[in-house]
PDB file of N, CA and C in Angstrom:
ATOM      1  N   MET A   1      72.980 110.152 100.979  1.00  0.00           N
ATOM      2  CA  MET A   1      73.122 111.319 100.201  1.00  0.00           C
ATOM      3  C   MET A   1      71.409 111.534 100.150  1.00  0.00           C
ATOM      4  N   ARG A   2      70.595 110.733 100.335  1.00  0.00           N
ATOM      5  CA  ARG A   2      68.997 110.963 100.427  1.00  0.00           C
ATOM      6  C   ARG A   2      69.110 112.059 101.740  1.00  0.00           C
ATOM      7  N   MET A   3      69.419 111.482 102.930  1.00  0.00           N
ATOM      8  CA  MET A   3      69.607 112.143 103.988  1.00  0.00           C
ATOM      9  C   MET A   3      69.933 113.612 103.991  1.00  0.00           C
ATOM     10  N   VAL A   4      70.885 113.553 103.432  1.00  0.00           N
ATOM     11  CA  VAL A   4      71.826 114.755 103.407  1.00  0.00           C
ATOM     12  C   VAL A   4      71.010 115.799 102.414  1.00  0.00           C
ATOM     13  N   GLN A   5      70.112 115.573 101.476  1.00  0.00           N
ATOM     14  CA  GLN A   5      69.332 116.227 100.634  1.00  0.00           C
ATOM     15  C   GLN A   5      68.070 116.603 101.401  1.00  0.00           C
ATOM     16  N   GLU A   6      67.549 115.670 102.160  1.00  0.00           N
ATOM     17  CA  GLU A   6      66.342 115.972 102.899  1.00  0.00           C
ATOM     18  C   GLU A   6      66.869 116.773 104.077  1.00  0.00           C
ATOM     19  N   ALA A   7      67.587 116.555 104.834  1.00  0.00           N
ATOM     20  CA  ALA A   7      68.202 117.849 105.934  1.00  0.00           C
ATOM     21  C   ALA A   7      68.348 118.785 105.056  1.00  0.00           C
ATOM     22  N   ILE A   8      69.264 119.054 104.301  1.00  0.00           N
ATOM     23  CA  ILE A   8      69.270 120.630 103.473  1.00  0.00           C
ATOM     24  C   ILE A   8      67.724 121.033 103.092  1.00  0.00           C
ATOM     25  N   GLN A   9      66.894 120.303 102.676  1.00  0.00           N
ATOM     26  CA  GLN A   9      65.410 120.758 102.290  1.00  0.00           C
ATOM     27  C   GLN A   9      64.744 121.339 103.523  1.00  0.00           C
ATOM     28  N   GLN A  10      64.882 120.412 104.647  1.00  0.00           N
ATOM     29  CA  GLN A  10      64.182 120.941 105.574  1.00  0.00           C
ATOM     30  C   GLN A  10      64.602 122.047 106.416  1.00  0.00           C
ATOM     31  N   SER A  11      65.969 122.407 106.647  1.00  0.00           N
ATOM     32  CA  SER A  11      66.686 123.256 107.149  1.00  0.00           C
ATOM     33  C   SER A  11      66.662 124.556 106.216  1.00  0.00           C
ATOM     34  N   GLY A  12      66.909 124.559 105.194  1.00  0.00           N
ATOM     35  CA  GLY A  12      66.972 125.508 104.378  1.00  0.00           C
ATOM     36  C   GLY A  12      68.510 126.247 104.499  1.00  0.00           C
ATOM     37  N   GLU A  13      69.308 125.295 104.812  1.00  0.00           N
ATOM     38  CA  GLU A  13      70.645 125.529 104.863  1.00  0.00           C
ATOM     39  C   GLU A  13      71.581 124.134 104.566  1.00  0.00           C
ATOM     40  N   SER A  14      73.069 124.622 104.117  1.00  0.00           N
ATOM     41  CA  SER A  14      73.494 123.438 103.817  1.00  0.00           C
ATOM     42  C   SER A  14      74.793 123.625 104.777  1.00  0.00           C
ATOM     43  N   PHE A  15      75.175 124.218 105.489  1.00  0.00           N
ATOM     44  CA  PHE A  15      76.110 124.442 106.159  1.00  0.00           C
ATOM     45  C   PHE A  15      76.094 123.466 107.401  1.00  0.00           C
ATOM     46  N   GLY A  16      77.251 122.486 107.447  1.00  0.00           N
ATOM     47  CA  GLY A  16      77.416 121.454 108.420  1.00  0.00           C
ATOM     48  C   GLY A  16      76.397 120.537 108.511  1.00  0.00           C
ATOM     49  N   VAL A  17      75.620 120.249 107.575  1.00  0.00           N
ATOM     50  CA  VAL A  17      74.786 119.085 107.205  1.00  0.00           C
ATOM     51  C   VAL A  17      75.613 117.765 106.552  1.00  0.00           C
ATOM     52  N   ILE A  18      76.421 117.931 106.382  1.00  0.00           N
ATOM     53  CA  ILE A  18      77.055 116.420 105.882  1.00  0.00           C
ATOM     54  C   ILE A  18      77.988 116.019 106.594  1.00  0.00           C
ATOM     55  N   THR A  19      78.207 116.798 107.418  1.00  0.00           N
ATOM     56  CA  THR A  19      79.332 116.708 108.884  1.00  0.00           C
ATOM     57  C   THR A  19      78.302 115.714 109.757  1.00  0.00           C
ATOM     58  N   ARG A  20      77.149 116.347 110.076  1.00  0.00           N
ATOM     59  CA  ARG A  20      76.083 115.668 110.967  1.00  0.00           C
ATOM     60  C   ARG A  20      75.509 114.354 110.591  1.00  0.00           C
ATOM     61  N   VAL A  21      75.386 114.360 109.568  1.00  0.00           N
ATOM     62  CA  VAL A  21      74.599 113.314 108.764  1.00  0.00           C
ATOM     63  C   VAL A  21      75.804 112.213 109.057  1.00  0.00           C
ATOM     64  N   ALA A  22      76.869 112.621 108.382  1.00  0.00           N
ATOM     65  CA  ALA A  22      77.865 111.582 108.617  1.00  0.00           C
ATOM     66  C   ALA A  22      78.485 110.897 110.064  1.00  0.00           C
ATOM     67  N   ARG A  23      78.253 111.600 110.975  1.00  0.00           N
ATOM     68  CA  ARG A  23      78.356 111.653 112.262  1.00  0.00           C
ATOM     69  C   ARG A  23      77.398 110.514 112.627  1.00  0.00           C
ATOM     70  N   GLN A  24      75.995 110.467 112.245  1.00  0.00           N
ATOM     71  CA  GLN A  24      75.063 110.147 112.776  1.00  0.00           C
ATOM     72  C   GLN A  24      75.046 108.699 112.045  1.00  0.00           C
ATOM     73  N   LEU A  25      75.360 108.254 110.959  1.00  0.00           N
ATOM     74  CA  LEU A  25      75.512 107.373 110.345  1.00  0.00           C
ATOM     75  C   LEU A  25      76.979 106.782 110.507  1.00  0.00           C
ATOM     76  N   GLY A  26      77.718 107.350 111.333  1.00  0.00           N
ATOM     77  CA  GLY A  26      79.176 106.708 111.493  1.00  0.00           C
ATOM     78  C   GLY A  26      80.217 106.306 110.615  1.00  0.00           C
ATOM     79  N   ILE A  27      80.294 107.167 109.484  1.00  0.00           N
ATOM     80  CA  ILE A  27      80.919 107.381 108.337  1.00  0.00           C
ATOM     81  C   ILE A  27      81.787 108.750 108.334  1.00  0.00           C
ATOM     82  N   GLY A  28      82.746 108.560 107.528  1.00  0.00           N
ATOM     83  CA  GLY A  28      83.893 109.846 107.528  1.00  0.00           C
ATOM     84  C   GLY A  28      82.928 110.873 106.607  1.00  0.00           C
ATOM     85  N   SER A  29      82.842 111.823 107.104  1.00  0.00           N
ATOM     86  CA  SER A  29      82.229 113.160 106.436  1.00  0.00           C
ATOM     87  C   SER A  29      82.934 113.439 105.100  1.00  0.00           C
ATOM     88  N   GLU A  30      84.297 113.176 104.817  1.00  0.00           N
ATOM     89  CA  GLU A  30      84.804 113.281 103.605  1.00  0.00           C
ATOM     90  C   GLU A  30      84.268 112.494 102.354  1.00  0.00           C
ATOM     91  N   SER A  31      84.172 111.028 102.920  1.00  0.00           N
ATOM     92  CA  SER A  31      83.669 110.079 102.173  1.00  0.00           C
ATOM     93  C   SER A  31      82.168 110.621 101.842  1.00  0.00           C
ATOM     94  N   LEU A  32      81.214 111.006 102.805  1.00  0.00           N
ATOM     95  CA  LEU A  32      79.950 111.357 102.487  1.00  0.00           C
ATOM     96  C   LEU A  32      79.822 112.303 101.398  1.00  0.00           C
ATOM     97  N   ARG A  33      80.764 113.350 101.747  1.00  0.00           N
ATOM     98  CA  ARG A  33      80.937 114.923 101.081  1.00  0.00           C
ATOM     99  C   ARG A  33      81.110 114.447  99.645  1.00  0.00           C
ATOM    100  N   ASN A  34      81.974 113.330  98.947  1.00  0.00           N
ATOM    101  CA  ASN A  34      82.476 112.939  98.175  1.00  0.00           C
ATOM    102  C   ASN A  34      80.882 112.452  97.492  1.00  0.00           C
ATOM    103  N   TRP A  35      80.548 111.580  97.999  1.00  0.00           N
ATOM    104  CA  TRP A  35      79.401 110.810  97.428  1.00  0.00           C
ATOM    105  C   TRP A  35      78.311 111.535  97.320  1.00  0.00           C
ATOM    106  N   VAL A  36      77.961 112.662  98.018  1.00  0.00           N
ATOM    107  CA  VAL A  36      77.175 113.812  97.679  1.00  0.00           C
ATOM    108  C   VAL A  36      77.215 114.654  96.269  1.00  0.00           C
ATOM    109  N   ARG A  37      78.297 114.847  96.108  1.00  0.00           N
ATOM    110  CA  ARG A  37      79.091 115.640  95.228  1.00  0.00           C
ATOM    111  C   ARG A  37      79.027 114.849  93.709  1.00  0.00           C
ATOM    112  N   GLN A  38      79.273 113.294  94.044  1.00  0.00           N
ATOM    113  CA  GLN A  38      79.441 112.415  92.730  1.00  0.00           C
ATOM    114  C   GLN A  38      77.600 112.748  92.275  1.00  0.00           C
ATOM    115  N   ALA A  39      76.925 112.182  93.374  1.00  0.00           N
ATOM    116  CA  ALA A  39      75.681 112.584  92.784  1.00  0.00           C
ATOM    117  C   ALA A  39      74.966 113.448  92.459  1.00  0.00           C
ATOM    118  N   GLU A  40      75.589 114.715  92.741  1.00  0.00           N
ATOM    119  CA  GLU A  40      75.100 115.807  92.248  1.00  0.00           C
ATOM    120  C   GLU A  40      75.464 116.057  90.785  1.00  0.00           C
ATOM    121  N   VAL A  41      76.884 115.501  90.632  1.00  0.00           N
ATOM    122  CA  VAL A  41      77.471 115.406  88.916  1.00  0.00           C
ATOM    123  C   VAL A  41      76.362 114.564  88.097  1.00  0.00           C
ATOM    124  N   ASP A  42      76.446 113.331  88.705  1.00  0.00           N
ATOM    125  CA  ASP A  42      75.660 112.676  88.000  1.00  0.00           C
ATOM    126  C   ASP A  42      74.081 112.878  87.767  1.00  0.00           C
ATOM    127  N   SER A  43      73.346 113.643  88.374  1.00  0.00           N
ATOM    128  CA  SER A  43      72.113 114.013  88.288  1.00  0.00           C
ATOM    129  C   SER A  43      72.071 115.567  87.385  1.00  0.00           C
ATOM    130  N   GLY A  44      73.376 115.914  87.086  1.00  0.00           N
ATOM    131  CA  GLY A  44      73.434 117.087  85.940  1.00  0.00           C
ATOM    132  C   GLY A  44      73.189 118.425  87.228  1.00  0.00           C
ATOM    133  N   GLN A  45      73.262 118.021  88.246  1.00  0.00           N
ATOM    134  CA  GLN A  45      72.840 119.368  89.200  1.00  0.00           C
ATOM    135  C   GLN A  45      74.291 120.425  89.423  1.00  0.00           C
ATOM    136  N   ARG A  46      75.615 119.759  89.093  1.00  0.00           N
ATOM    137  CA  ARG A  46      76.855 120.347  89.448  1.00  0.00           C
ATOM    138  C   ARG A  46      77.748 119.993  87.934  1.00  0.00           C
ATOM    139  N   PRO A  47      78.639 120.769  87.342  1.00  0.00           N
ATOM    140  CA  PRO A  47      79.470 120.224  86.621  1.00  0.00           C
ATOM    141  C   PRO A  47      80.635 119.035  86.755  1.00  0.00           C
ATOM    142  N   GLY A  48      80.797 118.356  85.705  1.00  0.00           N
ATOM    143  CA  GLY A  48      82.077 116.941  85.955  1.00  0.00           C
ATOM    144  C   GLY A  48      82.010 115.997  85.383  1.00  0.00           C
ATOM    145  N   THR A  49      82.545 115.191  85.656  1.00  0.00           N
ATOM    146  CA  THR A  49      82.375 113.884  84.827  1.00  0.00           C
ATOM    147  C   THR A  49      81.608 112.967  85.581  1.00  0.00           C
ATOM    148  N   SER A  50      80.536 112.496  84.975  1.00  0.00           N
ATOM    149  CA  SER A  50      79.929 111.560  85.739  1.00  0.00           C
ATOM    150  C   SER A  50      80.488 110.270  85.740  1.00  0.00           C
ATOM    151  N   THR A  51      79.442 109.260  86.414  1.00  0.00           N
ATOM    152  CA  THR A  51      80.452 107.973  86.708  1.00  0.00           C
ATOM    153  C   THR A  51      80.269 107.124  85.588  1.00  0.00           C
ATOM    154  N   ASP A  52      79.164 107.303  84.900  1.00  0.00           N
ATOM    155  CA  ASP A  52      79.165 106.364  83.520  1.00  0.00           C
ATOM    156  C   ASP A  52      80.269 106.806  82.647  1.00  0.00           C
ATOM    157  N   GLU A  53      80.583 108.110  82.660  1.00  0.00           N
ATOM    158  CA  GLU A  53      81.646 108.792  81.788  1.00  0.00           C
ATOM    159  C   GLU A  53      82.772 108.387  82.255  1.00  0.00           C
ATOM    160  N   ALA A  54      83.306 108.304  83.429  1.00  0.00           N
ATOM    161  CA  ALA A  54      84.364 107.877  84.137  1.00  0.00           C
ATOM    162  C   ALA A  54      84.501 106.329  83.939  1.00  0.00           C
ATOM    163  N   LYS A  55      83.494 105.675  83.994  1.00  0.00           N
ATOM    164  CA  LYS A  55      83.694 104.227  83.469  1.00  0.00           C
ATOM    165  C   LYS A  55      84.255 103.911  81.795  1.00  0.00           C
ATOM    166  N   ARG A  56      83.553 104.700  81.374  1.00  0.00           N
ATOM    167  CA  ARG A  56      84.005 104.579  79.690  1.00  0.00           C
ATOM    168  C   ARG A  56      85.122 105.222  79.278  1.00  0.00           C
ATOM    169  N   ILE A  57      85.621 106.178  79.875  1.00  0.00           N
ATOM    170  CA  ILE A  57      86.809 106.845  79.706  1.00  0.00           C
ATOM    171  C   ILE A  57      87.884 105.588  80.501  1.00  0.00           C
ATOM    172  N   ALA A  58      87.514 105.003  81.872  1.00  0.00           N
ATOM    173  CA  ALA A  58      88.642 103.927  82.030  1.00  0.00           C
ATOM    174  C   ALA A  58      88.681 102.819  80.912  1.00  0.00           C
ATOM    175  N   GLU A  59      87.632 102.423  80.322  1.00  0.00           N
ATOM    176  CA  GLU A  59      87.868 101.183  79.362  1.00  0.00           C
ATOM    177  C   GLU A  59      88.458 101.809  78.135  1.00  0.00           C
ATOM    178  N   LEU A  60      88.242 102.744  77.760  1.00  0.00           N
ATOM    179  CA  LEU A  60      89.025 103.287  76.676  1.00  0.00           C
ATOM    180  C   LEU A  60      90.645 103.273  76.783  1.00  0.00           C
ATOM    181  N   GLU A  61      90.875 104.112  77.840  1.00  0.00           N
ATOM    182  CA  GLU A  61      92.296 103.898  78.161  1.00  0.00           C
ATOM    183  C   GLU A  61      92.754 102.603  78.542  1.00  0.00           C
ATOM    184  N   ARG A  62      91.816 101.879  78.844  1.00  0.00           N
ATOM    185  CA  ARG A  62      92.503 100.290  78.921  1.00  0.00           C
ATOM    186  C   ARG A  62      93.011  99.744  77.493  1.00  0.00           C
ATOM    187  N   GLU A  63      91.732 100.075  76.721  1.00  0.00           N
ATOM    188  CA  GLU A  63      91.741  99.649  75.384  1.00  0.00           C
ATOM    189  C   GLU A  63      93.385 100.033  74.758  1.00  0.00           C
ATOM    190  N   VAL A  64      93.205 101.261  74.732  1.00  0.00           N
ATOM    191  CA  VAL A  64      94.083 102.110  74.205  1.00  0.00           C
ATOM    192  C   VAL A  64      95.543 101.700  74.917  1.00  0.00           C
ATOM    193  N   ARG A  65      96.011 101.292  75.792  1.00  0.00           N
ATOM    194  CA  ARG A  65      96.925 100.590  76.411  1.00  0.00           C
ATOM    195  C   ARG A  65      97.269  99.099  75.671  1.00  0.00           C
ATOM    196  N   GLU A  66      96.520  98.414  75.568  1.00  0.00           N
ATOM    197  CA  GLU A  66      96.128  97.133  74.917  1.00  0.00           C
ATOM    198  C   GLU A  66      96.561  97.043  73.616  1.00  0.00           C
ATOM    199  N   LEU A  67      95.926  98.266  72.693  1.00  0.00           N
ATOM    200  CA  LEU A  67      96.524  98.427  71.309  1.00  0.00           C
ATOM    201  C   LEU A  67      97.779  98.786  71.133  1.00  0.00           C
ATOM    202  N   ARG A  68      98.369  99.660  71.956  1.00  0.00           N
ATOM    203  CA  ARG A  68      99.508 100.092  72.077  1.00  0.00           C
ATOM    204  C   ARG A  68     100.763  98.954  72.264  1.00  0.00           C
ATOM    205  N   ARG A  69     100.306  98.332  73.640  1.00  0.00           N
ATOM    206  CA  ARG A  69     101.290  96.866  73.278  1.00  0.00           C
ATOM    207  C   ARG A  69     101.080  96.044  72.397  1.00  0.00           C
ATOM    208  N   ALA A  70     100.062  96.102  72.207  1.00  0.00           N
ATOM    209  CA  ALA A  70     100.087  94.636  70.369  1.00  0.00           C
ATOM    210  C   ALA A  70     100.598  95.425  69.599  1.00  0.00           C
ATOM    211  N   ASN A  71     100.770  97.119  69.321  1.00  0.00           N
ATOM    212  CA  ASN A  71     101.566  97.611  68.227  1.00  0.00           C
ATOM    213  C   ASN A  71     103.026  97.376  68.470  1.00  0.00           C
ATOM    214  N   GLU A  72     103.351  97.481  69.609  1.00  0.00           N
ATOM    215  CA  GLU A  72     105.166  97.047  69.873  1.00  0.00           C
ATOM    216  C   GLU A  72     104.931  95.877  69.637  1.00  0.00           C
ATOM    217  N   ILE A  73     104.605  94.913  69.898  1.00  0.00           N
ATOM    218  CA  ILE A  73     104.594  93.348  69.550  1.00  0.00           C
ATOM    219  C   ILE A  73     104.813  93.377  68.108  1.00  0.00           C
ATOM    220  N   LEU A  74     103.858  93.909  67.180  1.00  0.00           N
ATOM    221  CA  LEU A  74     103.408  93.529  65.883  1.00  0.00           C
ATOM    222  C   LEU A  74     104.687  94.389  65.321  1.00  0.00           C
ATOM    223  N   LYS A  75     105.519  95.473  65.786  1.00  0.00           N
ATOM    224  CA  LYS A  75     106.535  96.202  65.076  1.00  0.00           C
ATOM    225  C   LYS A  75     107.887  95.011  65.207  1.00  0.00           C
ATOM    226  N   ALA A  76     107.886  94.835  66.530  1.00  0.00           N
ATOM    227  CA  ALA A  76     109.131  93.892  67.074  1.00  0.00           C
ATOM    228  C   ALA A  76     109.105  92.520  65.830  1.00  0.00           C
ATOM    229  N   ALA A  77     108.122  92.151  65.876  1.00  0.00           N
ATOM    230  CA  ALA A  77     107.649  90.909  65.139  1.00  0.00           C
ATOM    231  C   ALA A  77     108.367  91.387  63.545  1.00  0.00           C
ATOM    232  N   SER A  78     107.936  92.269  63.141  1.00  0.00           N
ATOM    233  CA  SER A  78     108.091  92.672  61.795  1.00  0.00           C
ATOM    234  C   SER A  78     109.600  93.011  61.529  1.00  0.00           C
ATOM    235  N   ALA A  79     110.213  93.419  62.173  1.00  0.00           N
ATOM    236  CA  ALA A  79     111.633  93.824  62.247  1.00  0.00           C
ATOM    237  C   ALA A  79     112.242  92.517  62.371  1.00  0.00           C
ATOM    238  N   PHE A  80     111.963  91.545  62.933  1.00  0.00           N
ATOM    239  CA  PHE A  80     112.402  90.421  63.532  1.00  0.00           C
ATOM    240  C   PHE A  80     112.655  89.501  61.854  1.00  0.00           C
ATOM    241  N   PHE A  81     111.379  89.579  61.359  1.00  0.00           N
ATOM    242  CA  PHE A  81     111.052  88.464  60.248  1.00  0.00           C
ATOM    243  C   PHE A  81     111.780  89.462  58.931  1.00  0.00           C
ATOM    244  N   ALA A  82     111.700  90.579  58.996  1.00  0.00           N
ATOM    245  CA  ALA A  82     112.550  91.311  57.966  1.00  0.00           C
ATOM    246  C   ALA A  82     114.113  90.738  58.158  1.00  0.00           C
ATOM    247  N   ARG A  83     114.545  90.934  59.120  1.00  0.00           N
ATOM    248  CA  ARG A  83     115.760  90.451  59.071  1.00  0.00           C
ATOM    249  C   ARG A  83     115.999  88.897  58.625  1.00  0.00           C
ATOM    250  N   GLU A  84     115.120  87.956  59.129  1.00  0.00           N
ATOM    251  CA  GLU A  84     115.217  86.584  58.663  1.00  0.00           C
ATOM    252  C   GLU A  84     115.301  86.494  57.120  1.00  0.00           C
ATOM    253  N   LEU A  85     114.428  87.645  56.546  1.00  0.00           N
ATOM    254  CA  LEU A  85     114.179  87.415  55.219  1.00  0.00           C
ATOM    255  C   LEU A  85     115.290  88.248  54.362  1.00  0.00           C
ATOM    256  N   ASP A  86     116.109  89.154  55.092  1.00  0.00           N
ATOM    257  CA  ASP A  86     117.107  89.679  54.181  1.00  0.00           C
ATOM    258  C   ASP A  86     118.191  88.987  53.614  1.00  0.00           C
ATOM    259  N   PRO A  87     118.391  88.872  52.641  1.00  0.00           N
ATOM    260  CA  PRO A  87     119.442  88.094  51.703  1.00  0.00           C
ATOM    261  C   PRO A  87     120.826  88.452  52.003  1.00  0.00           C
ATOM    262  N   ARG A  88     121.127  89.362  52.384  1.00  0.00           N
ATOM    263  CA  ARG A  88     122.455  90.069  52.650  1.00  0.00           C
ATOM    264  C   ARG A  88     123.099  89.332  54.103  1.00  0.00           C
ATOM    265  N   PRO A  89     124.365  89.108  53.792  1.00  0.00           N
ATOM    266  CA  PRO A  89     124.724  88.193  55.066  1.00  0.00           C
ATOM    267  C   PRO A  89     125.285  89.114  56.391  1.00  0.00           C
ATOM    268  N   PRO A  90     125.199  88.846  57.849  1.00  0.00           N
ATOM    269  CA  PRO A  90     124.949  89.714  58.592  1.00  0.00           C
ATOM    270  C   PRO A  90     126.706  90.029  59.004  1.00  0.00           C
ATOM    271  N   ARG A  91     126.622  91.567  59.354  1.00  0.00           N
ATOM    272  CA  ARG A  91     128.170  91.788  59.322  1.00  0.00           C
ATOM    273  C   ARG A  91     128.906  91.187  60.719  1.00  0.00           C
TER     274      ARG A  91
END
C-alpha cells in the first residue's frame, strides 16, 4: 500500500499504478486495490466501514445470534415446564 501511495505521489497520476506495483510484487492487482481502498477508508480519506467497525459489527452480530438461540432455548424450556405443572389431564 505504501508503494502505491509513493508511486502516485512521485508520478502525480494514479492510473495504472496499482497494476504496475502488483505486477512488481507478484500479487493480484484486485487484492492490492482492495487493500489500498481499505487503507484509505481506515485513514478517513474515503467513506466506508473501517476495519475496526467491521470487526465490532461482526462481534455484535455473533452476540445477537447467540442471544436469539438462548431465547429460543428458554422459550422451549418454559413451555415444557408449563405443560409439566399444568394440573389438567392431557387430552
